[in-house]
C-alpha atoms as a PDB file:
ATOM      1  CA  MET A   1      17.728 182.015 171.260  1.00  0.00           C
ATOM      2  CA  ASP A   2      18.869 185.314 169.799  1.00  0.00           C
ATOM      3  CA  ALA A   3      20.753 186.625 172.310  1.00  0.00           C
ATOM      4  CA  ALA A   4      22.708 183.044 172.479  1.00  0.00           C
ATOM      5  CA  TYR A   5      22.882 182.668 169.218  1.00  0.00           C
ATOM      6  CA  ALA A   6      24.493 186.289 168.837  1.00  0.00           C
ATOM      7  CA  VAL A   7      27.726 184.671 171.295  1.00  0.00           C
ATOM      8  CA  HIS A   8      27.510 180.636 169.704  1.00  0.00           C
ATOM      9  CA  TYR A   9      25.843 179.910 172.226  1.00  0.00           C
ATOM     10  CA  ARG A  10      28.602 180.559 175.076  1.00  0.00           C
ATOM     11  CA  ASP A  11      25.496 181.810 177.494  1.00  0.00           C
ATOM     12  CA  PHE A  12      22.106 180.645 177.871  1.00  0.00           C
ATOM     13  CA  THR A  13      20.897 182.252 180.293  1.00  0.00           C
ATOM     14  CA  ALA A  14      18.263 184.745 180.027  1.00  0.00           C
ATOM     15  CA  VAL A  15      16.249 187.001 182.615  1.00  0.00           C
ATOM     16  CA  LEU A  16      12.843 185.625 183.440  1.00  0.00           C
ATOM     17  CA  PRO A  17       9.862 188.292 182.887  1.00  0.00           C
ATOM     18  CA  CYS A  18       7.759 186.265 185.908  1.00  0.00           C
ATOM     19  CA  CYS A  19      10.826 186.901 188.835  1.00  0.00           C
ATOM     20  CA  ASN A  20      13.028 189.252 187.050  1.00  0.00           C
ATOM     21  CA  GLU A  21      15.616 186.380 188.080  1.00  0.00           C
ATOM     22  CA  ARG A  22      18.869 184.838 185.437  1.00  0.00           C
ATOM     23  CA  CYS A  23      18.749 181.712 184.419  1.00  0.00           C
ATOM     24  CA  ALA A  24      19.890 179.971 182.431  1.00  0.00           C
ATOM     25  CA  LEU A  25      17.961 177.995 179.665  1.00  0.00           C
ATOM     26  CA  HIS A  26      18.968 174.530 180.570  1.00  0.00           C
ATOM     27  CA  GLU A  27      18.036 174.631 184.381  1.00  0.00           C
ATOM     28  CA  LEU A  28      14.148 175.677 183.327  1.00  0.00           C
ATOM     29  CA  ILE A  29      11.807 172.659 184.425  1.00  0.00           C
ATOM     30  CA  PHE A  30       8.387 173.075 182.227  1.00  0.00           C
ATOM     31  CA  ASP A  31       5.176 171.566 183.283  1.00  0.00           C
ATOM     32  CA  PRO A  32       3.926 169.957 181.245  1.00  0.00           C
ATOM     33  CA  ALA A  33       7.196 168.922 179.551  1.00  0.00           C
ATOM     34  CA  ALA A  34       8.286 171.120 176.598  1.00  0.00           C
ATOM     35  CA  GLY A  35      11.479 171.288 175.405  1.00  0.00           C
ATOM     36  CA  TYR A  36      13.543 173.101 172.704  1.00  0.00           C
ATOM     37  CA  ALA A  37      14.615 171.086 169.603  1.00  0.00           C
ATOM     38  CA  ARG A  38      16.243 171.372 166.118  1.00  0.00           C
ATOM     39  CA  TYR A  39      13.585 169.346 164.440  1.00  0.00           C
ATOM     40  CA  SER A  40      10.844 166.881 165.936  1.00  0.00           C
ATOM     41  CA  LEU A  41       9.668 163.497 164.870  1.00  0.00           C
ATOM     42  CA  ALA A  42       5.704 163.075 164.949  1.00  0.00           C
ATOM     43  CA  ALA A  43       3.229 160.145 164.706  1.00  0.00           C
ATOM     44  CA  GLN A  44      -0.519 160.604 163.988  1.00  0.00           C
ATOM     45  CA  ASN A  45      -2.898 158.672 165.335  1.00  0.00           C
ATOM     46  CA  PRO A  46      -0.435 156.582 166.900  1.00  0.00           C
ATOM     47  CA  ILE A  47      -2.361 153.247 167.774  1.00  0.00           C
ATOM     48  CA  GLU A  48      -0.557 153.457 171.577  1.00  0.00           C
ATOM     49  CA  TYR A  49      -0.479 156.568 173.248  1.00  0.00           C
ATOM     50  CA  CYS A  50       2.927 156.837 174.863  1.00  0.00           C
ATOM     51  CA  LEU A  51       6.560 155.137 173.903  1.00  0.00           C
ATOM     52  CA  THR A  52       7.758 152.729 176.868  1.00  0.00           C
ATOM     53  CA  PRO A  53      11.119 153.617 177.736  1.00  0.00           C
ATOM     54  CA  ALA A  54      12.880 151.150 175.326  1.00  0.00           C
ATOM     55  CA  GLN A  55      11.113 152.041 172.584  1.00  0.00           C
ATOM     56  CA  LEU A  56      12.558 155.998 173.417  1.00  0.00           C
ATOM     57  CA  ASP A  57      15.800 154.969 174.217  1.00  0.00           C
ATOM     58  CA  ALA A  58      16.040 152.527 170.597  1.00  0.00           C
ATOM     59  CA  VAL A  59      14.676 155.868 168.838  1.00  0.00           C
ATOM     60  CA  GLY A  60      17.579 157.758 170.784  1.00  0.00           C
ATOM     61  CA  LYS A  61      19.623 155.264 169.628  1.00  0.00           C
ATOM     62  CA  ALA A  62      18.870 155.324 166.267  1.00  0.00           C
ATOM     63  CA  LEU A  63      19.733 159.477 166.011  1.00  0.00           C
ATOM     64  CA  GLY A  64      22.909 159.127 167.916  1.00  0.00           C
ATOM     65  CA  SER A  65      20.861 161.028 170.863  1.00  0.00           C
ATOM     66  CA  GLU A  66      19.087 161.241 173.553  1.00  0.00           C
ATOM     67  CA  VAL A  67      15.588 161.819 173.103  1.00  0.00           C
ATOM     68  CA  ARG A  68      12.290 162.139 174.995  1.00  0.00           C
ATOM     69  CA  GLN A  69       8.530 162.491 174.569  1.00  0.00           C
ATOM     70  CA  ILE A  70       6.276 166.095 174.427  1.00  0.00           C
ATOM     71  CA  TRP A  71       2.986 166.066 173.545  1.00  0.00           C
ATOM     72  CA  ARG A  72       1.767 168.435 171.396  1.00  0.00           C
ATOM     73  CA  HIS A  73      -2.442 170.146 172.127  1.00  0.00           C
ATOM     74  CA  ILE A  74      -3.314 170.932 168.944  1.00  0.00           C
END
């Protein structure tokens, strides 16, 4: 991320330590889901554990950006 910042985010590629291949960060597939974010929203002790697609869409519309749910393990 420091290297991407240095060129004002015009280049999001990095050499991966696992295979020594060059890859764009936005092409990486994380399993389980992970991501980069400017901020996060957190819910402590939610009644339901997963947001429905409609709920995620409503949150995204309210924020003006696409959102996805990523679990954080503590």
